[in-house]
Amino acid sequence: MDCIIVRTAARHATSASWRPVTTDPARTELKVHNDSRLLLAVGAIVSHAAHRVGLPREAQEGFAEATMDACRETFPLIGNDTDGNRDLRMTVEDFSDRVQVTIEHSGDANPTAGLDSFVGGSKEGVAAGISHSLQDTRVDRVKYDTHEGRSRMTLIKYRDASKAKV
C-alpha cells in the first residue's frame, strides 16, 4: 500500500464576517439534571444561539448567564415526583429577530410558583441574583405559565431593542 504525505499550512480558519452562514431557525432540546457542569453547557448553547441571531458579544454572554441563573433558581422548585422526574426540560430556539429559551419542570401547579424569584425579587439573598439579572436588561421578556402540573418559563432576548418594548 503506497501513501503520500503532503505538508499543509497550519493556519487557523478565519472569516472577515461574523454574520451567521445560515438563516434557518434552529431548535435545541435539552434535559438538564441538577449539576453545575451541565449548566455551563447550557450557557454555551444559549450563547451560540444568540451568536447565530447576531447579538453583540456582551448581549450573548449576558443572556447565557441569565439563563444559567434561571436554571439554578428553578431546581429548588421541582416537585418530588416518584417517577424520578427531577430535571428541567429546555428548548433553545433562535429566530431571525430573537433568541427564546423555554425552561419547563414539574412541580407546584400554582400559576405564580417561583414567579417572584424570577421577576419581582425575593426576600432571600439567593433569588435576588436572578431578579437583578432579569431587571438589568439581559433578558427582554419573561413569560411564565402552568398547565397540568408543568410550569413553563420562557426567556426572550431580541436582536433589535425596539422590539423588546412591544
N, C-alpha and C. Protein backbone atom coordinates (compact mmCIF):
# COMPACT_ATOMS: atom_id res chain seq x y z
N MET A 1 0.85 -1.17 0.00
CA MET A 1 0.00 0.00 0.00
C MET A 1 0.90 1.23 0.00
N ASP A 2 0.73 2.08 -0.98
CA ASP A 2 1.51 3.31 -1.09
C ASP A 2 0.74 4.47 -0.51
N CYS A 3 1.46 5.40 0.05
CA CYS A 3 0.81 6.61 0.54
C CYS A 3 1.73 7.79 0.32
N ILE A 4 1.15 8.94 0.21
CA ILE A 4 1.90 10.17 0.02
C ILE A 4 1.57 11.09 1.17
N ILE A 5 2.58 11.63 1.78
CA ILE A 5 2.40 12.58 2.88
C ILE A 5 2.72 13.96 2.34
N VAL A 6 1.78 14.85 2.48
CA VAL A 6 1.95 16.21 1.98
C VAL A 6 1.88 17.16 3.15
N ARG A 7 2.80 18.09 3.20
CA ARG A 7 2.77 19.11 4.25
C ARG A 7 1.64 20.09 3.97
N THR A 8 0.96 20.51 5.04
CA THR A 8 -0.11 21.50 4.90
C THR A 8 0.27 22.74 5.70
N ALA A 9 -0.24 23.83 5.26
CA ALA A 9 -0.02 25.08 6.00
C ALA A 9 -0.95 25.07 7.20
N ALA A 10 -0.40 25.08 8.38
CA ALA A 10 -1.22 25.01 9.61
C ALA A 10 -1.64 26.42 10.00
N ARG A 11 -2.73 26.85 9.41
CA ARG A 11 -3.28 28.16 9.73
C ARG A 11 -4.68 27.98 10.26
N HIS A 12 -5.06 28.87 11.17
CA HIS A 12 -6.42 28.85 11.68
C HIS A 12 -7.38 29.36 10.61
N ALA A 13 -8.53 28.75 10.52
CA ALA A 13 -9.55 29.21 9.59
C ALA A 13 -10.14 30.51 10.12
N THR A 14 -10.17 31.52 9.31
CA THR A 14 -10.70 32.82 9.74
C THR A 14 -11.73 33.31 8.73
N SER A 15 -12.54 34.21 9.20
CA SER A 15 -13.55 34.80 8.34
C SER A 15 -13.61 36.29 8.64
N ALA A 16 -13.79 37.09 7.62
CA ALA A 16 -13.87 38.54 7.82
C ALA A 16 -15.23 38.95 8.37
N SER A 17 -16.22 38.09 8.26
CA SER A 17 -17.57 38.42 8.69
C SER A 17 -17.99 37.52 9.84
N TRP A 18 -18.63 38.11 10.86
CA TRP A 18 -19.14 37.34 11.99
C TRP A 18 -20.62 37.02 11.81
N ARG A 19 -21.18 37.31 10.66
CA ARG A 19 -22.58 37.01 10.39
C ARG A 19 -22.75 35.50 10.22
N PRO A 20 -23.85 34.95 10.68
CA PRO A 20 -24.08 33.52 10.50
C PRO A 20 -24.25 33.15 9.03
N VAL A 21 -23.84 31.95 8.70
CA VAL A 21 -23.92 31.49 7.32
C VAL A 21 -25.36 31.15 6.94
N THR A 22 -26.07 30.48 7.83
CA THR A 22 -27.43 30.08 7.53
C THR A 22 -28.41 30.92 8.33
N THR A 23 -29.57 31.14 7.77
CA THR A 23 -30.59 31.91 8.48
C THR A 23 -31.76 31.03 8.90
N ASP A 24 -31.64 29.72 8.69
CA ASP A 24 -32.70 28.82 9.11
C ASP A 24 -32.77 28.78 10.63
N PRO A 25 -33.98 28.84 11.21
CA PRO A 25 -34.10 28.77 12.66
C PRO A 25 -33.63 27.40 13.16
N ALA A 26 -32.99 27.41 14.32
CA ALA A 26 -32.54 26.17 14.93
C ALA A 26 -33.27 25.96 16.25
N ARG A 27 -33.50 24.70 16.58
CA ARG A 27 -34.18 24.33 17.82
C ARG A 27 -33.36 23.24 18.49
N THR A 28 -32.97 23.48 19.74
CA THR A 28 -32.21 22.51 20.52
C THR A 28 -33.00 22.17 21.76
N GLU A 29 -33.25 20.88 21.98
CA GLU A 29 -33.98 20.43 23.15
C GLU A 29 -33.02 19.73 24.10
N LEU A 30 -33.13 20.05 25.39
CA LEU A 30 -32.23 19.50 26.40
C LEU A 30 -33.02 18.97 27.58
N LYS A 31 -32.45 18.01 28.26
CA LYS A 31 -32.97 17.53 29.54
C LYS A 31 -31.82 17.71 30.52
N VAL A 32 -31.97 18.63 31.45
CA VAL A 32 -30.86 19.04 32.31
C VAL A 32 -31.09 18.57 33.74
N HIS A 33 -30.10 17.88 34.27
CA HIS A 33 -30.13 17.45 35.67
C HIS A 33 -29.46 18.53 36.52
N ASN A 34 -29.69 18.50 37.81
CA ASN A 34 -29.14 19.50 38.72
C ASN A 34 -27.64 19.26 38.92
N ASP A 35 -26.85 19.73 37.99
CA ASP A 35 -25.40 19.57 38.02
C ASP A 35 -24.79 20.83 37.42
N SER A 36 -23.93 21.48 38.19
CA SER A 36 -23.37 22.76 37.74
C SER A 36 -22.55 22.61 36.46
N ARG A 37 -21.96 21.45 36.23
CA ARG A 37 -21.20 21.24 35.00
C ARG A 37 -22.10 21.28 33.77
N LEU A 38 -23.34 20.81 33.92
CA LEU A 38 -24.28 20.84 32.80
C LEU A 38 -24.77 22.26 32.53
N LEU A 39 -24.84 23.08 33.57
CA LEU A 39 -25.28 24.46 33.37
C LEU A 39 -24.30 25.24 32.51
N LEU A 40 -23.02 24.93 32.61
CA LEU A 40 -22.04 25.59 31.75
C LEU A 40 -22.28 25.23 30.28
N ALA A 41 -22.67 24.00 30.03
CA ALA A 41 -23.00 23.60 28.65
C ALA A 41 -24.26 24.31 28.17
N VAL A 42 -25.23 24.49 29.06
CA VAL A 42 -26.45 25.24 28.71
C VAL A 42 -26.07 26.66 28.31
N GLY A 43 -25.18 27.27 29.08
CA GLY A 43 -24.73 28.62 28.76
C GLY A 43 -24.06 28.69 27.40
N ALA A 44 -23.27 27.69 27.06
CA ALA A 44 -22.60 27.67 25.75
C ALA A 44 -23.60 27.52 24.62
N ILE A 45 -24.62 26.70 24.81
CA ILE A 45 -25.64 26.50 23.77
C ILE A 45 -26.44 27.79 23.56
N VAL A 46 -26.81 28.45 24.65
CA VAL A 46 -27.57 29.70 24.55
C VAL A 46 -26.72 30.79 23.91
N SER A 47 -25.46 30.85 24.30
CA SER A 47 -24.56 31.84 23.71
C SER A 47 -24.39 31.61 22.20
N HIS A 48 -24.30 30.36 21.79
CA HIS A 48 -24.18 30.04 20.37
C HIS A 48 -25.45 30.45 19.60
N ALA A 49 -26.61 30.18 20.19
CA ALA A 49 -27.86 30.58 19.54
C ALA A 49 -27.94 32.10 19.41
N ALA A 50 -27.51 32.81 20.45
CA ALA A 50 -27.51 34.28 20.41
C ALA A 50 -26.53 34.79 19.35
N HIS A 51 -25.42 34.10 19.19
CA HIS A 51 -24.45 34.48 18.16
C HIS A 51 -25.05 34.28 16.76
N ARG A 52 -25.79 33.19 16.57
CA ARG A 52 -26.42 32.93 15.27
C ARG A 52 -27.42 34.02 14.90
N VAL A 53 -28.10 34.58 15.90
CA VAL A 53 -29.07 35.65 15.65
C VAL A 53 -28.37 36.95 15.30
N GLY A 54 -27.15 37.13 15.81
CA GLY A 54 -26.40 38.34 15.54
C GLY A 54 -26.35 39.31 16.70
N LEU A 55 -26.59 38.82 17.92
CA LEU A 55 -26.50 39.69 19.09
C LEU A 55 -25.04 40.06 19.36
N PRO A 56 -24.79 41.24 19.91
CA PRO A 56 -23.42 41.61 20.29
C PRO A 56 -22.89 40.64 21.36
N ARG A 57 -21.57 40.54 21.47
CA ARG A 57 -20.94 39.60 22.40
C ARG A 57 -21.41 39.81 23.84
N GLU A 58 -21.55 41.06 24.28
CA GLU A 58 -21.99 41.33 25.66
C GLU A 58 -23.41 40.81 25.88
N ALA A 59 -24.26 40.99 24.89
CA ALA A 59 -25.65 40.51 24.99
C ALA A 59 -25.69 38.98 24.98
N GLN A 60 -24.83 38.36 24.19
CA GLN A 60 -24.76 36.90 24.17
C GLN A 60 -24.39 36.36 25.54
N GLU A 61 -23.33 36.91 26.11
CA GLU A 61 -22.86 36.43 27.42
C GLU A 61 -23.88 36.73 28.52
N GLY A 62 -24.48 37.91 28.47
CA GLY A 62 -25.47 38.27 29.48
C GLY A 62 -26.69 37.39 29.44
N PHE A 63 -27.19 37.09 28.24
CA PHE A 63 -28.36 36.23 28.11
C PHE A 63 -28.04 34.81 28.56
N ALA A 64 -26.84 34.34 28.23
CA ALA A 64 -26.43 33.00 28.66
C ALA A 64 -26.34 32.93 30.19
N GLU A 65 -25.77 33.95 30.82
CA GLU A 65 -25.67 33.99 32.28
C GLU A 65 -27.05 34.05 32.93
N ALA A 66 -27.94 34.85 32.36
CA ALA A 66 -29.30 34.94 32.91
C ALA A 66 -30.03 33.60 32.79
N THR A 67 -29.80 32.88 31.71
CA THR A 67 -30.42 31.56 31.54
C THR A 67 -29.88 30.57 32.56
N MET A 68 -28.56 30.58 32.78
CA MET A 68 -27.97 29.69 33.78
C MET A 68 -28.49 30.03 35.18
N ASP A 69 -28.62 31.32 35.48
CA ASP A 69 -29.18 31.74 36.77
C ASP A 69 -30.62 31.25 36.92
N ALA A 70 -31.40 31.35 35.84
CA ALA A 70 -32.79 30.89 35.90
C ALA A 70 -32.85 29.39 36.16
N CYS A 71 -31.95 28.63 35.56
CA CYS A 71 -31.92 27.18 35.81
C CYS A 71 -31.57 26.90 37.27
N ARG A 72 -30.57 27.59 37.79
CA ARG A 72 -30.17 27.39 39.20
C ARG A 72 -31.33 27.68 40.14
N GLU A 73 -32.11 28.73 39.84
CA GLU A 73 -33.21 29.11 40.71
C GLU A 73 -34.44 28.23 40.51
N THR A 74 -34.51 27.50 39.40
CA THR A 74 -35.66 26.66 39.13
C THR A 74 -35.53 25.29 39.79
N PHE A 75 -34.33 24.78 39.94
CA PHE A 75 -34.16 23.44 40.52
C PHE A 75 -34.83 23.28 41.88
N PRO A 76 -34.77 24.25 42.80
CA PRO A 76 -35.47 24.06 44.08
C PRO A 76 -37.00 24.01 43.95
N LEU A 77 -37.56 24.46 42.84
CA LEU A 77 -39.00 24.47 42.65
C LEU A 77 -39.54 23.15 42.12
N ILE A 78 -38.67 22.26 41.70
CA ILE A 78 -39.11 20.99 41.11
C ILE A 78 -39.75 20.14 42.20
N GLY A 79 -40.89 19.58 41.87
CA GLY A 79 -41.64 18.75 42.82
C GLY A 79 -40.95 17.43 43.11
N ASN A 80 -41.43 16.75 44.12
CA ASN A 80 -40.89 15.44 44.48
C ASN A 80 -41.68 14.35 43.76
N ASP A 81 -41.36 14.13 42.51
CA ASP A 81 -42.04 13.10 41.72
C ASP A 81 -41.52 11.73 42.11
N THR A 82 -42.41 10.75 42.17
CA THR A 82 -41.98 9.39 42.46
C THR A 82 -41.37 8.74 41.22
N ASP A 83 -41.62 9.30 40.03
CA ASP A 83 -41.06 8.75 38.80
C ASP A 83 -39.58 9.10 38.65
N GLY A 84 -39.06 9.96 39.50
CA GLY A 84 -37.69 10.41 39.35
C GLY A 84 -37.57 11.53 38.34
N ASN A 85 -38.67 12.22 38.05
CA ASN A 85 -38.67 13.31 37.08
C ASN A 85 -38.23 14.60 37.76
N ARG A 86 -36.96 14.67 38.11
CA ARG A 86 -36.43 15.83 38.81
C ARG A 86 -35.42 16.56 37.93
N ASP A 87 -35.79 16.81 36.71
CA ASP A 87 -34.90 17.51 35.80
C ASP A 87 -35.68 18.59 35.06
N LEU A 88 -34.93 19.43 34.38
CA LEU A 88 -35.52 20.51 33.59
C LEU A 88 -35.54 20.10 32.12
N ARG A 89 -36.61 20.42 31.46
CA ARG A 89 -36.66 20.26 30.01
C ARG A 89 -36.50 21.65 29.42
N MET A 90 -35.53 21.80 28.57
CA MET A 90 -35.23 23.11 28.00
C MET A 90 -35.31 23.04 26.48
N THR A 91 -35.75 24.15 25.91
CA THR A 91 -35.75 24.32 24.46
C THR A 91 -35.09 25.65 24.17
N VAL A 92 -34.05 25.62 23.34
CA VAL A 92 -33.36 26.84 22.92
C VAL A 92 -33.65 27.02 21.44
N GLU A 93 -34.28 28.14 21.09
CA GLU A 93 -34.66 28.40 19.71
C GLU A 93 -34.09 29.75 19.28
N ASP A 94 -33.54 29.78 18.08
CA ASP A 94 -33.13 31.08 17.53
C ASP A 94 -33.93 31.35 16.27
N PHE A 95 -34.45 32.56 16.21
CA PHE A 95 -35.22 33.04 15.07
C PHE A 95 -34.45 34.19 14.45
N SER A 96 -34.96 34.76 13.39
CA SER A 96 -34.23 35.84 12.73
C SER A 96 -34.15 37.10 13.58
N ASP A 97 -35.11 37.29 14.51
CA ASP A 97 -35.13 38.52 15.31
C ASP A 97 -34.95 38.31 16.81
N ARG A 98 -34.85 37.05 17.27
CA ARG A 98 -34.78 36.83 18.72
C ARG A 98 -34.22 35.44 19.04
N VAL A 99 -33.83 35.30 20.31
CA VAL A 99 -33.47 34.01 20.89
C VAL A 99 -34.48 33.74 21.98
N GLN A 100 -34.96 32.51 22.05
CA GLN A 100 -36.01 32.15 23.00
C GLN A 100 -35.58 30.87 23.73
N VAL A 101 -35.58 30.93 25.07
CA VAL A 101 -35.23 29.77 25.89
C VAL A 101 -36.44 29.43 26.75
N THR A 102 -36.93 28.19 26.64
CA THR A 102 -38.06 27.74 27.43
C THR A 102 -37.56 26.72 28.44
N ILE A 103 -37.87 26.97 29.72
CA ILE A 103 -37.49 26.07 30.80
C ILE A 103 -38.77 25.50 31.39
N GLU A 104 -38.91 24.18 31.34
CA GLU A 104 -40.13 23.52 31.80
C GLU A 104 -39.78 22.51 32.89
N HIS A 105 -40.63 22.44 33.91
CA HIS A 105 -40.41 21.49 35.00
C HIS A 105 -41.73 21.10 35.63
N SER A 106 -41.74 19.98 36.31
CA SER A 106 -42.93 19.57 37.06
C SER A 106 -42.81 20.16 38.46
N GLY A 107 -43.93 20.29 39.11
CA GLY A 107 -43.90 20.85 40.45
C GLY A 107 -45.23 21.44 40.81
N ASP A 108 -45.22 22.47 41.62
CA ASP A 108 -46.43 23.11 42.11
C ASP A 108 -47.25 23.65 40.93
N ALA A 109 -48.55 23.35 40.94
CA ALA A 109 -49.43 23.80 39.85
C ALA A 109 -49.90 25.23 40.04
N ASN A 110 -49.49 25.87 41.11
CA ASN A 110 -49.84 27.27 41.37
C ASN A 110 -49.24 28.14 40.26
N PRO A 111 -50.03 28.98 39.58
CA PRO A 111 -49.50 29.75 38.46
C PRO A 111 -48.44 30.76 38.84
N THR A 112 -48.32 31.10 40.11
CA THR A 112 -47.29 32.06 40.50
C THR A 112 -46.11 31.39 41.19
N ALA A 113 -46.03 30.07 41.15
CA ALA A 113 -44.93 29.37 41.81
C ALA A 113 -43.60 29.79 41.22
N GLY A 114 -42.78 30.42 42.00
CA GLY A 114 -41.46 30.81 41.55
C GLY A 114 -41.40 32.11 40.79
N LEU A 115 -42.53 32.69 40.48
CA LEU A 115 -42.52 33.91 39.67
C LEU A 115 -41.83 35.05 40.40
N ASP A 116 -42.02 35.15 41.73
CA ASP A 116 -41.38 36.23 42.46
C ASP A 116 -39.87 36.11 42.45
N SER A 117 -39.34 34.90 42.38
CA SER A 117 -37.90 34.76 42.36
C SER A 117 -37.30 35.10 41.00
N PHE A 118 -38.14 35.13 39.94
CA PHE A 118 -37.62 35.46 38.61
C PHE A 118 -37.85 36.92 38.24
N VAL A 119 -38.92 37.52 38.71
CA VAL A 119 -39.25 38.85 38.24
C VAL A 119 -39.31 39.88 39.36
N GLY A 120 -40.09 39.61 40.40
CA GLY A 120 -40.38 40.63 41.38
C GLY A 120 -39.40 40.77 42.50
N GLY A 121 -38.43 39.91 42.58
CA GLY A 121 -37.48 39.99 43.67
C GLY A 121 -37.94 39.14 44.83
N SER A 122 -37.01 38.70 45.60
CA SER A 122 -37.31 37.82 46.71
C SER A 122 -36.63 38.35 47.95
N LYS A 123 -37.14 37.97 49.10
CA LYS A 123 -36.53 38.42 50.34
C LYS A 123 -35.25 37.66 50.63
N GLU A 124 -35.11 36.43 50.11
CA GLU A 124 -33.89 35.68 50.31
C GLU A 124 -32.81 36.23 49.39
N GLY A 125 -31.59 36.13 49.85
CA GLY A 125 -30.46 36.60 49.05
C GLY A 125 -30.20 35.72 47.85
N VAL A 126 -30.62 34.46 47.90
CA VAL A 126 -30.35 33.53 46.80
C VAL A 126 -31.07 33.96 45.53
N ALA A 127 -32.34 34.29 45.65
CA ALA A 127 -33.13 34.62 44.46
C ALA A 127 -32.92 36.06 44.01
N ALA A 128 -32.26 36.86 44.82
CA ALA A 128 -32.06 38.25 44.44
C ALA A 128 -31.19 38.37 43.19
N GLY A 129 -30.26 37.44 43.00
CA GLY A 129 -29.38 37.50 41.83
C GLY A 129 -30.13 37.36 40.53
N ILE A 130 -31.05 36.42 40.46
CA ILE A 130 -31.80 36.23 39.21
C ILE A 130 -32.74 37.40 38.98
N SER A 131 -33.36 37.89 40.03
CA SER A 131 -34.25 39.02 39.88
C SER A 131 -33.47 40.22 39.34
N HIS A 132 -32.30 40.45 39.86
CA HIS A 132 -31.46 41.55 39.41
C HIS A 132 -31.04 41.33 37.96
N SER A 133 -30.66 40.09 37.62
CA SER A 133 -30.19 39.84 36.26
C SER A 133 -31.29 40.05 35.23
N LEU A 134 -32.53 39.75 35.58
CA LEU A 134 -33.61 39.95 34.63
C LEU A 134 -34.01 41.42 34.53
N GLN A 135 -33.74 42.19 35.57
CA GLN A 135 -34.11 43.60 35.53
C GLN A 135 -33.02 44.47 34.92
N ASP A 136 -31.81 43.94 34.71
CA ASP A 136 -30.77 44.77 34.11
C ASP A 136 -30.64 44.53 32.61
N THR A 137 -31.72 44.18 31.97
CA THR A 137 -31.90 44.07 30.51
C THR A 137 -31.11 42.94 29.86
N ARG A 138 -30.62 41.97 30.61
CA ARG A 138 -30.01 40.82 29.96
C ARG A 138 -31.09 39.96 29.32
N VAL A 139 -32.33 40.10 29.79
CA VAL A 139 -33.48 39.41 29.21
C VAL A 139 -34.52 40.46 28.88
N ASP A 140 -35.08 40.42 27.66
CA ASP A 140 -36.05 41.44 27.26
C ASP A 140 -37.47 41.11 27.69
N ARG A 141 -37.83 39.83 27.71
CA ARG A 141 -39.20 39.46 28.06
C ARG A 141 -39.18 38.11 28.77
N VAL A 142 -40.06 37.97 29.79
CA VAL A 142 -40.22 36.71 30.51
C VAL A 142 -41.70 36.34 30.49
N LYS A 143 -41.99 35.11 30.05
CA LYS A 143 -43.36 34.59 30.09
C LYS A 143 -43.35 33.40 31.05
N TYR A 144 -44.41 33.29 31.85
CA TYR A 144 -44.48 32.21 32.83
C TYR A 144 -45.91 31.68 32.86
N ASP A 145 -46.07 30.37 32.70
CA ASP A 145 -47.40 29.77 32.79
C ASP A 145 -47.30 28.34 33.31
N THR A 146 -48.44 27.82 33.76
CA THR A 146 -48.51 26.44 34.22
C THR A 146 -49.67 25.76 33.52
N HIS A 147 -49.51 24.45 33.32
CA HIS A 147 -50.57 23.67 32.69
C HIS A 147 -50.39 22.21 33.11
N GLU A 148 -51.43 21.65 33.74
CA GLU A 148 -51.45 20.26 34.16
C GLU A 148 -50.22 19.87 34.98
N GLY A 149 -49.87 20.70 35.94
CA GLY A 149 -48.76 20.38 36.84
C GLY A 149 -47.38 20.66 36.28
N ARG A 150 -47.28 21.20 35.07
CA ARG A 150 -45.99 21.56 34.47
C ARG A 150 -45.89 23.08 34.42
N SER A 151 -44.79 23.60 34.91
CA SER A 151 -44.54 25.04 34.87
C SER A 151 -43.57 25.33 33.73
N ARG A 152 -43.85 26.40 33.01
CA ARG A 152 -43.02 26.76 31.86
C ARG A 152 -42.67 28.23 31.94
N MET A 153 -41.38 28.52 31.85
CA MET A 153 -40.90 29.89 31.81
C MET A 153 -40.15 30.08 30.50
N THR A 154 -40.43 31.17 29.80
CA THR A 154 -39.77 31.46 28.54
C THR A 154 -39.03 32.78 28.67
N LEU A 155 -37.73 32.74 28.40
CA LEU A 155 -36.88 33.93 28.40
C LEU A 155 -36.64 34.32 26.94
N ILE A 156 -36.82 35.59 26.62
CA ILE A 156 -36.68 36.06 25.24
C ILE A 156 -35.72 37.24 25.21
N LYS A 157 -34.79 37.19 24.25
CA LYS A 157 -33.86 38.30 24.01
C LYS A 157 -33.97 38.66 22.53
N TYR A 158 -34.33 39.92 22.26
CA TYR A 158 -34.50 40.39 20.88
C TYR A 158 -33.19 40.95 20.34
N ARG A 159 -32.98 40.80 19.05
CA ARG A 159 -31.80 41.38 18.41
C ARG A 159 -31.93 42.90 18.34
N ASP A 160 -33.14 43.37 18.04
CA ASP A 160 -33.42 44.79 17.94
C ASP A 160 -34.08 45.24 19.23
N ALA A 161 -33.49 46.19 19.93
CA ALA A 161 -34.01 46.62 21.23
C ALA A 161 -35.41 47.24 21.13
N SER A 162 -35.77 47.80 19.97
CA SER A 162 -37.09 48.42 19.85
C SER A 162 -38.22 47.38 19.91
N LYS A 163 -37.96 46.15 19.50
CA LYS A 163 -38.97 45.09 19.55
C LYS A 163 -39.19 44.61 20.98
N ALA A 164 -38.24 44.82 21.85
CA ALA A 164 -38.37 44.38 23.24
C ALA A 164 -39.44 45.18 23.97
N LYS A 165 -39.76 46.37 23.51
CA LYS A 165 -40.73 47.22 24.18
C LYS A 165 -42.16 46.90 23.79
N VAL A 166 -42.34 46.01 22.83
CA VAL A 166 -43.68 45.66 22.34
C VAL A 166 -44.44 44.90 23.42
